Amino acid sequence: MTSKYTPLANYLQNAGKSMSEITLTFEKIEEIINDKLPMSARTYVAWWSNEASGGTHVQSQAWLSAGWKVKHYNLTREIATFEHIRQ
């Protein structure tokens, strides 16, 4: 499934070849997806949940499908740390 977050998934997938953890600013994520994050990404912690099913969080499905999960986020500092999922 292609979504506006597919470029983020691709970015993380490529980073996974050399990194086990990566911290991105919201601004960098917007650069990667070539679009603004929704306001909910800046205001609701649930937006950053690692929800694998249910169909409502296409963003988390993108990073999970790339083999990454959100380890930490800070809405005030506008950063998210992703951790490579070891399988």
PDB file of N, CA and C in Angstrom:
ATOM      1  N   MET A   1       0.837  -1.174   0.000  1.00  0.00           N
ATOM      2  CA  MET A   1       0.000   0.000   0.000  1.00  0.00           C
ATOM      3  C   MET A   1       0.888   1.245   0.000  1.00  0.00           C
ATOM      4  N   THR A   2       0.595   2.153  -0.854  1.00  0.00           N
ATOM      5  CA  THR A   2       1.350   3.391  -0.934  1.00  0.00           C
ATOM      6  C   THR A   2       0.588   4.489  -0.212  1.00  0.00           C
ATOM      7  N   SER A   3       1.300   5.222   0.609  1.00  0.00           N
ATOM      8  CA  SER A   3       0.715   6.361   1.295  1.00  0.00           C
ATOM      9  C   SER A   3       1.715   7.505   1.254  1.00  0.00           C
ATOM     10  N   LYS A   4       1.330   8.641   1.775  1.00  0.00           N
ATOM     11  CA  LYS A   4       2.270   9.761   1.784  1.00  0.00           C
ATOM     12  C   LYS A   4       3.469   9.470   2.686  1.00  0.00           C
ATOM     13  N   TYR A   5       3.365   8.418   3.518  1.00  0.00           N
ATOM     14  CA  TYR A   5       4.454   8.049   4.419  1.00  0.00           C
ATOM     15  C   TYR A   5       5.376   6.973   3.846  1.00  0.00           C
ATOM     16  N   THR A   6       5.120   6.535   2.634  1.00  0.00           N
ATOM     17  CA  THR A   6       5.985   5.559   1.977  1.00  0.00           C
ATOM     18  C   THR A   6       7.426   6.062   1.868  1.00  0.00           C
ATOM     19  N   PRO A   7       7.656   7.342   1.535  1.00  0.00           N
ATOM     20  CA  PRO A   7       9.044   7.813   1.505  1.00  0.00           C
ATOM     21  C   PRO A   7       9.746   7.716   2.861  1.00  0.00           C
ATOM     22  N   LEU A   8       9.000   7.899   3.950  1.00  0.00           N
ATOM     23  CA  LEU A   8       9.579   7.728   5.284  1.00  0.00           C
ATOM     24  C   LEU A   8       9.952   6.272   5.512  1.00  0.00           C
ATOM     25  N   ALA A   9       9.082   5.364   5.111  1.00  0.00           N
ATOM     26  CA  ALA A   9       9.378   3.933   5.232  1.00  0.00           C
ATOM     27  C   ALA A   9      10.635   3.585   4.443  1.00  0.00           C
ATOM     28  N   ASN A  10      10.747   4.108   3.234  1.00  0.00           N
ATOM     29  CA  ASN A  10      11.925   3.848   2.407  1.00  0.00           C
ATOM     30  C   ASN A  10      13.189   4.409   3.059  1.00  0.00           C
ATOM     31  N   TYR A  11      13.092   5.603   3.604  1.00  0.00           N
ATOM     32  CA  TYR A  11      14.219   6.239   4.278  1.00  0.00           C
ATOM     33  C   TYR A  11      14.690   5.386   5.458  1.00  0.00           C
ATOM     34  N   LEU A  12      13.741   4.947   6.270  1.00  0.00           N
ATOM     35  CA  LEU A  12      14.082   4.127   7.428  1.00  0.00           C
ATOM     36  C   LEU A  12      14.647   2.774   7.010  1.00  0.00           C
ATOM     37  N   GLN A  13      14.072   2.204   5.981  1.00  0.00           N
ATOM     38  CA  GLN A  13      14.545   0.907   5.501  1.00  0.00           C
ATOM     39  C   GLN A  13      16.003   1.012   5.058  1.00  0.00           C
ATOM     40  N   ASN A  14      16.345   2.077   4.365  1.00  0.00           N
ATOM     41  CA  ASN A  14      17.728   2.280   3.933  1.00  0.00           C
ATOM     42  C   ASN A  14      18.643   2.558   5.116  1.00  0.00           C
ATOM     43  N   ALA A  15      18.157   3.313   6.105  1.00  0.00           N
ATOM     44  CA  ALA A  15      18.959   3.605   7.293  1.00  0.00           C
ATOM     45  C   ALA A  15      19.200   2.342   8.111  1.00  0.00           C
ATOM     46  N   GLY A  16      18.275   1.409   8.050  1.00  0.00           N
ATOM     47  CA  GLY A  16      18.384   0.174   8.814  1.00  0.00           C
ATOM     48  C   GLY A  16      19.557  -0.686   8.425  1.00  0.00           C
ATOM     49  N   LYS A  17      20.120  -0.417   7.279  1.00  0.00           N
ATOM     50  CA  LYS A  17      21.272  -1.189   6.839  1.00  0.00           C
ATOM     51  C   LYS A  17      22.522  -0.833   7.637  1.00  0.00           C
ATOM     52  N   SER A  18      22.511   0.367   8.260  1.00  0.00           N
ATOM     53  CA  SER A  18      23.695   0.788   8.998  1.00  0.00           C
ATOM     54  C   SER A  18      23.403   1.301  10.405  1.00  0.00           C
ATOM     55  N   MET A  19      22.138   1.465  10.767  1.00  0.00           N
ATOM     56  CA  MET A  19      21.796   2.038  12.061  1.00  0.00           C
ATOM     57  C   MET A  19      20.740   1.194  12.770  1.00  0.00           C
ATOM     58  N   SER A  20      20.793   1.192  14.078  1.00  0.00           N
ATOM     59  CA  SER A  20      19.771   0.489  14.850  1.00  0.00           C
ATOM     60  C   SER A  20      18.769   1.464  15.462  1.00  0.00           C
ATOM     61  N   GLU A  21      19.120   2.752  15.448  1.00  0.00           N
ATOM     62  CA  GLU A  21      18.253   3.783  16.003  1.00  0.00           C
ATOM     63  C   GLU A  21      18.516   5.081  15.260  1.00  0.00           C
ATOM     64  N   ILE A  22      17.465   5.856  15.043  1.00  0.00           N
ATOM     65  CA  ILE A  22      17.628   7.136  14.358  1.00  0.00           C
ATOM     66  C   ILE A  22      16.626   8.131  14.921  1.00  0.00           C
ATOM     67  N   THR A  23      17.089   9.340  15.178  1.00  0.00           N
ATOM     68  CA  THR A  23      16.222  10.414  15.655  1.00  0.00           C
ATOM     69  C   THR A  23      16.054  11.420  14.534  1.00  0.00           C
ATOM     70  N   LEU A  24      14.804  11.734  14.246  1.00  0.00           N
ATOM     71  CA  LEU A  24      14.472  12.688  13.193  1.00  0.00           C
ATOM     72  C   LEU A  24      13.636  13.816  13.770  1.00  0.00           C
ATOM     73  N   THR A  25      13.904  15.019  13.316  1.00  0.00           N
ATOM     74  CA  THR A  25      13.034  16.129  13.676  1.00  0.00           C
ATOM     75  C   THR A  25      11.764  16.029  12.837  1.00  0.00           C
ATOM     76  N   PHE A  26      10.708  16.638  13.310  1.00  0.00           N
ATOM     77  CA  PHE A  26       9.480  16.656  12.517  1.00  0.00           C
ATOM     78  C   PHE A  26       9.747  17.345  11.181  1.00  0.00           C
ATOM     79  N   GLU A  27      10.586  18.369  11.207  1.00  0.00           N
ATOM     80  CA  GLU A  27      10.941  19.086   9.985  1.00  0.00           C
ATOM     81  C   GLU A  27      11.623  18.142   8.987  1.00  0.00           C
ATOM     82  N   LYS A  28      12.522  17.295   9.469  1.00  0.00           N
ATOM     83  CA  LYS A  28      13.201  16.340   8.591  1.00  0.00           C
ATOM     84  C   LYS A  28      12.202  15.335   8.028  1.00  0.00           C
ATOM     85  N   ILE A  29      11.278  14.874   8.864  1.00  0.00           N
ATOM     86  CA  ILE A  29      10.248  13.943   8.378  1.00  0.00           C
ATOM     87  C   ILE A  29       9.422  14.604   7.280  1.00  0.00           C
ATOM     88  N   GLU A  30       9.083  15.869   7.464  1.00  0.00           N
ATOM     89  CA  GLU A  30       8.326  16.599   6.439  1.00  0.00           C
ATOM     90  C   GLU A  30       9.129  16.726   5.152  1.00  0.00           C
ATOM     91  N   GLU A  31      10.418  16.904   5.287  1.00  0.00           N
ATOM     92  CA  GLU A  31      11.301  16.958   4.112  1.00  0.00           C
ATOM     93  C   GLU A  31      11.295  15.608   3.393  1.00  0.00           C
ATOM     94  N   ILE A  32      11.365  14.545   4.154  1.00  0.00           N
ATOM     95  CA  ILE A  32      11.398  13.197   3.582  1.00  0.00           C
ATOM     96  C   ILE A  32      10.098  12.875   2.842  1.00  0.00           C
ATOM     97  N   ILE A  33       8.957  13.217   3.462  1.00  0.00           N
ATOM     98  CA  ILE A  33       7.661  12.899   2.839  1.00  0.00           C
ATOM     99  C   ILE A  33       7.199  13.970   1.861  1.00  0.00           C
ATOM    100  N   ASN A  34       7.955  15.072   1.801  1.00  0.00           N
ATOM    101  CA  ASN A  34       7.636  16.185   0.909  1.00  0.00           C
ATOM    102  C   ASN A  34       6.221  16.716   1.158  1.00  0.00           C
ATOM    103  N   ASP A  35       5.881  16.816   2.436  1.00  0.00           N
ATOM    104  CA  ASP A  35       4.562  17.297   2.835  1.00  0.00           C
ATOM    105  C   ASP A  35       4.621  17.637   4.321  1.00  0.00           C
ATOM    106  N   LYS A  36       3.665  18.409   4.769  1.00  0.00           N
ATOM    107  CA  LYS A  36       3.566  18.743   6.184  1.00  0.00           C
ATOM    108  C   LYS A  36       2.958  17.575   6.955  1.00  0.00           C
ATOM    109  N   LEU A  37       3.426  17.370   8.177  1.00  0.00           N
ATOM    110  CA  LEU A  37       2.766  16.424   9.068  1.00  0.00           C
ATOM    111  C   LEU A  37       1.434  17.035   9.490  1.00  0.00           C
ATOM    112  N   PRO A  38       0.445  16.219   9.759  1.00  0.00           N
ATOM    113  CA  PRO A  38      -0.825  16.775  10.220  1.00  0.00           C
ATOM    114  C   PRO A  38      -0.669  17.386  11.613  1.00  0.00           C
ATOM    115  N   MET A  39      -1.532  18.296  11.963  1.00  0.00           N
ATOM    116  CA  MET A  39      -1.477  18.926  13.282  1.00  0.00           C
ATOM    117  C   MET A  39      -1.550  17.878  14.392  1.00  0.00           C
ATOM    118  N   SER A  40      -2.255  16.781  14.143  1.00  0.00           N
ATOM    119  CA  SER A  40      -2.373  15.728  15.157  1.00  0.00           C
ATOM    120  C   SER A  40      -1.012  15.130  15.514  1.00  0.00           C
ATOM    121  N   ALA A  41      -0.047  15.150  14.604  1.00  0.00           N
ATOM    122  CA  ALA A  41       1.292  14.639  14.895  1.00  0.00           C
ATOM    123  C   ALA A  41       1.998  15.521  15.921  1.00  0.00           C
ATOM    124  N   ARG A  42       1.595  16.769  15.986  1.00  0.00           N
ATOM    125  CA  ARG A  42       2.203  17.715  16.924  1.00  0.00           C
ATOM    126  C   ARG A  42       1.418  17.855  18.222  1.00  0.00           C
ATOM    127  N   THR A  43       0.228  17.287  18.264  1.00  0.00           N
ATOM    128  CA  THR A  43      -0.613  17.496  19.448  1.00  0.00           C
ATOM    129  C   THR A  43      -1.090  16.220  20.130  1.00  0.00           C
ATOM    130  N   TYR A  44      -1.136  15.105  19.428  1.00  0.00           N
ATOM    131  CA  TYR A  44      -1.672  13.876  20.009  1.00  0.00           C
ATOM    132  C   TYR A  44      -0.607  12.779  20.069  1.00  0.00           C
ATOM    133  N   VAL A  45      -0.363  12.285  21.265  1.00  0.00           N
ATOM    134  CA  VAL A  45       0.642  11.233  21.420  1.00  0.00           C
ATOM    135  C   VAL A  45       0.241   9.963  20.665  1.00  0.00           C
ATOM    136  N   ALA A  46      -1.059   9.729  20.531  1.00  0.00           N
ATOM    137  CA  ALA A  46      -1.526   8.517  19.844  1.00  0.00           C
ATOM    138  C   ALA A  46      -1.054   8.469  18.386  1.00  0.00           C
ATOM    139  N   TRP A  47      -0.784   9.605  17.789  1.00  0.00           N
ATOM    140  CA  TRP A  47      -0.327   9.631  16.397  1.00  0.00           C
ATOM    141  C   TRP A  47       0.975   8.854  16.247  1.00  0.00           C
ATOM    142  N   TRP A  48       1.789   8.835  17.303  1.00  0.00           N
ATOM    143  CA  TRP A  48       3.102   8.188  17.275  1.00  0.00           C
ATOM    144  C   TRP A  48       3.074   6.752  17.776  1.00  0.00           C
ATOM    145  N   SER A  49       1.878   6.218  18.028  1.00  0.00           N
ATOM    146  CA  SER A  49       1.782   4.838  18.506  1.00  0.00           C
ATOM    147  C   SER A  49       2.191   3.869  17.402  1.00  0.00           C
ATOM    148  N   ASN A  50       2.626   2.708  17.797  1.00  0.00           N
ATOM    149  CA  ASN A  50       3.058   1.680  16.856  1.00  0.00           C
ATOM    150  C   ASN A  50       1.892   0.739  16.554  1.00  0.00           C
ATOM    151  N   GLU A  51       0.829   1.295  16.043  1.00  0.00           N
ATOM    152  CA  GLU A  51      -0.379   0.525  15.733  1.00  0.00           C
ATOM    153  C   GLU A  51      -0.202  -0.214  14.410  1.00  0.00           C
ATOM    154  N   ALA A  52      -0.195  -1.528  14.499  1.00  0.00           N
ATOM    155  CA  ALA A  52       0.072  -2.338  13.312  1.00  0.00           C
ATOM    156  C   ALA A  52      -1.182  -2.653  12.499  1.00  0.00           C
ATOM    157  N   SER A  53      -2.340  -2.630  13.138  1.00  0.00           N
ATOM    158  CA  SER A  53      -3.556  -2.985  12.418  1.00  0.00           C
ATOM    159  C   SER A  53      -4.657  -2.002  12.763  1.00  0.00           C
ATOM    160  N   GLY A  54      -5.760  -2.124  12.067  1.00  0.00           N
ATOM    161  CA  GLY A  54      -6.886  -1.253  12.313  1.00  0.00           C
ATOM    162  C   GLY A  54      -7.098  -0.244  11.210  1.00  0.00           C
ATOM    163  N   GLY A  55      -6.059   0.035  10.453  1.00  0.00           N
ATOM    164  CA  GLY A  55      -6.204   0.879   9.281  1.00  0.00           C
ATOM    165  C   GLY A  55      -6.287   2.368   9.521  1.00  0.00           C
ATOM    166  N   THR A  56      -6.272   2.810  10.779  1.00  0.00           N
ATOM    167  CA  THR A  56      -6.421   4.239  11.013  1.00  0.00           C
ATOM    168  C   THR A  56      -5.102   4.990  11.062  1.00  0.00           C
ATOM    169  N   HIS A  57      -4.024   4.304  11.344  1.00  0.00           N
ATOM    170  CA  HIS A  57      -2.718   4.961  11.433  1.00  0.00           C
ATOM    171  C   HIS A  57      -1.815   4.493  10.294  1.00  0.00           C
ATOM    172  N   VAL A  58      -2.030   5.062   9.126  1.00  0.00           N
ATOM    173  CA  VAL A  58      -1.215   4.666   7.973  1.00  0.00           C
ATOM    174  C   VAL A  58       0.257   4.991   8.183  1.00  0.00           C
ATOM    175  N   GLN A  59       0.533   6.018   8.987  1.00  0.00           N
ATOM    176  CA  GLN A  59       1.926   6.386   9.242  1.00  0.00           C
ATOM    177  C   GLN A  59       2.647   5.275  10.003  1.00  0.00           C
ATOM    178  N   SER A  60       1.999   4.713  11.026  1.00  0.00           N
ATOM    179  CA  SER A  60       2.673   3.653  11.793  1.00  0.00           C
ATOM    180  C   SER A  60       2.787   2.375  10.974  1.00  0.00           C
ATOM    181  N   GLN A  61       1.823   2.119  10.131  1.00  0.00           N
ATOM    182  CA  GLN A  61       1.921   0.952   9.257  1.00  0.00           C
ATOM    183  C   GLN A  61       3.117   1.091   8.332  1.00  0.00           C
ATOM    184  N   ALA A  62       3.423   2.325   7.915  1.00  0.00           N
ATOM    185  CA  ALA A  62       4.573   2.558   7.036  1.00  0.00           C
ATOM    186  C   ALA A  62       5.877   2.250   7.755  1.00  0.00           C
ATOM    187  N   TRP A  63       6.079   2.807   8.945  1.00  0.00           N
ATOM    188  CA  TRP A  63       7.364   2.563   9.617  1.00  0.00           C
ATOM    189  C   TRP A  63       7.484   1.144  10.138  1.00  0.00           C
ATOM    190  N   LEU A  64       6.373   0.548  10.563  1.00  0.00           N
ATOM    191  CA  LEU A  64       6.432  -0.841  11.015  1.00  0.00           C
ATOM    192  C   LEU A  64       6.746  -1.791   9.862  1.00  0.00           C
ATOM    193  N   SER A  65       6.162  -1.522   8.694  1.00  0.00           N
ATOM    194  CA  SER A  65       6.417  -2.387   7.539  1.00  0.00           C
ATOM    195  C   SER A  65       7.868  -2.281   7.074  1.00  0.00           C
ATOM    196  N   ALA A  66       8.515  -1.166   7.401  1.00  0.00           N
ATOM    197  CA  ALA A  66       9.926  -0.984   7.049  1.00  0.00           C
ATOM    198  C   ALA A  66      10.854  -1.598   8.089  1.00  0.00           C
ATOM    199  N   GLY A  67      10.278  -2.136   9.172  1.00  0.00           N
ATOM    200  CA  GLY A  67      11.087  -2.778  10.200  1.00  0.00           C
ATOM    201  C   GLY A  67      11.509  -1.861  11.331  1.00  0.00           C
ATOM    202  N   TRP A  68      10.769  -0.791  11.535  1.00  0.00           N
ATOM    203  CA  TRP A  68      11.082   0.183  12.573  1.00  0.00           C
ATOM    204  C   TRP A  68       9.871   0.429  13.457  1.00  0.00           C
ATOM    205  N   LYS A  69      10.125   0.896  14.685  1.00  0.00           N
ATOM    206  CA  LYS A  69       9.054   1.311  15.581  1.00  0.00           C
ATOM    207  C   LYS A  69       9.475   2.605  16.267  1.00  0.00           C
ATOM    208  N   VAL A  70       8.497   3.365  16.717  1.00  0.00           N
ATOM    209  CA  VAL A  70       8.801   4.582  17.459  1.00  0.00           C
ATOM    210  C   VAL A  70       9.205   4.176  18.867  1.00  0.00           C
ATOM    211  N   LYS A  71      10.393   4.581  19.253  1.00  0.00           N
ATOM    212  CA  LYS A  71      10.909   4.292  20.591  1.00  0.00           C
ATOM    213  C   LYS A  71      10.586   5.445  21.539  1.00  0.00           C
ATOM    214  N   HIS A  72      10.697   6.674  21.038  1.00  0.00           N
ATOM    215  CA  HIS A  72      10.495   7.865  21.851  1.00  0.00           C
ATOM    216  C   HIS A  72      10.083   9.014  20.939  1.00  0.00           C
ATOM    217  N   TYR A  73       9.307   9.907  21.465  1.00  0.00           N
ATOM    218  CA  TYR A  73       8.954  11.121  20.738  1.00  0.00           C
ATOM    219  C   TYR A  73       8.836  12.246  21.746  1.00  0.00           C
ATOM    220  N   ASN A  74       9.028  13.465  21.289  1.00  0.00           N
ATOM    221  CA  ASN A  74       8.893  14.632  22.136  1.00  0.00           C
ATOM    222  C   ASN A  74       8.152  15.681  21.324  1.00  0.00           C
ATOM    223  N   LEU A  75       6.894  15.905  21.682  1.00  0.00           N
ATOM    224  CA  LEU A  75       6.072  16.838  20.926  1.00  0.00           C
ATOM    225  C   LEU A  75       6.556  18.273  21.092  1.00  0.00           C
ATOM    226  N   THR A  76       7.130  18.603  22.236  1.00  0.00           N
ATOM    227  CA  THR A  76       7.624  19.956  22.473  1.00  0.00           C
ATOM    228  C   THR A  76       8.864  20.241  21.629  1.00  0.00           C
ATOM    229  N   ARG A  77       9.783  19.303  21.617  1.00  0.00           N
ATOM    230  CA  ARG A  77      11.018  19.464  20.829  1.00  0.00           C
ATOM    231  C   ARG A  77      10.831  19.076  19.363  1.00  0.00           C
ATOM    232  N   GLU A  78       9.686  18.464  19.070  1.00  0.00           N
ATOM    233  CA  GLU A  78       9.355  18.002  17.709  1.00  0.00           C
ATOM    234  C   GLU A  78      10.412  17.059  17.152  1.00  0.00           C
ATOM    235  N   ILE A  79      10.637  15.973  17.904  1.00  0.00           N
ATOM    236  CA  ILE A  79      11.548  14.924  17.456  1.00  0.00           C
ATOM    237  C   ILE A  79      10.903  13.561  17.686  1.00  0.00           C
ATOM    238  N   ALA A  80      11.326  12.600  16.887  1.00  0.00           N
ATOM    239  CA  ALA A  80      10.898  11.213  17.058  1.00  0.00           C
ATOM    240  C   ALA A  80      12.116  10.321  16.876  1.00  0.00           C
ATOM    241  N   THR A  81      12.252   9.358  17.783  1.00  0.00           N
ATOM    242  CA  THR A  81      13.341   8.389  17.687  1.00  0.00           C
ATOM    243  C   THR A  81      12.744   7.054  17.285  1.00  0.00           C
ATOM    244  N   PHE A  82      13.267   6.512  16.215  1.00  0.00           N
ATOM    245  CA  PHE A  82      12.823   5.215  15.704  1.00  0.00           C
ATOM    246  C   PHE A  82      13.881   4.174  16.040  1.00  0.00           C
ATOM    247  N   GLU A  83      13.423   2.967  16.350  1.00  0.00           N
ATOM    248  CA  GLU A  83      14.319   1.881  16.688  1.00  0.00           C
ATOM    249  C   GLU A  83      14.086   0.735  15.708  1.00  0.00           C
ATOM    250  N   HIS A  84      15.182   0.209  15.168  1.00  0.00           N
ATOM    251  CA  HIS A  84      15.092  -0.906  14.236  1.00  0.00           C
ATOM    252  C   HIS A  84      14.585  -2.125  14.976  1.00  0.00           C
ATOM    253  N   ILE A  85      13.603  -2.804  14.426  1.00  0.00           N
ATOM    254  CA  ILE A  85      13.039  -3.997  15.045  1.00  0.00           C
ATOM    255  C   ILE A  85      13.891  -5.190  14.651  1.00  0.00           C
ATOM    256  N   ARG A  86      14.470  -5.837  15.632  1.00  0.00           N
ATOM    257  CA  ARG A  86      15.305  -7.017  15.367  1.00  0.00           C
ATOM    258  C   ARG A  86      14.404  -8.243  15.238  1.00  0.00           C
ATOM    259  N   GLN A  87      14.610  -8.991  14.180  1.00  0.00           N
ATOM    260  CA  GLN A  87      13.761 -10.161  13.938  1.00  0.00           C
ATOM    261  C   GLN A  87      14.574 -11.421  13.961  1.00  0.00           C
TER     262      GLN A  87
END
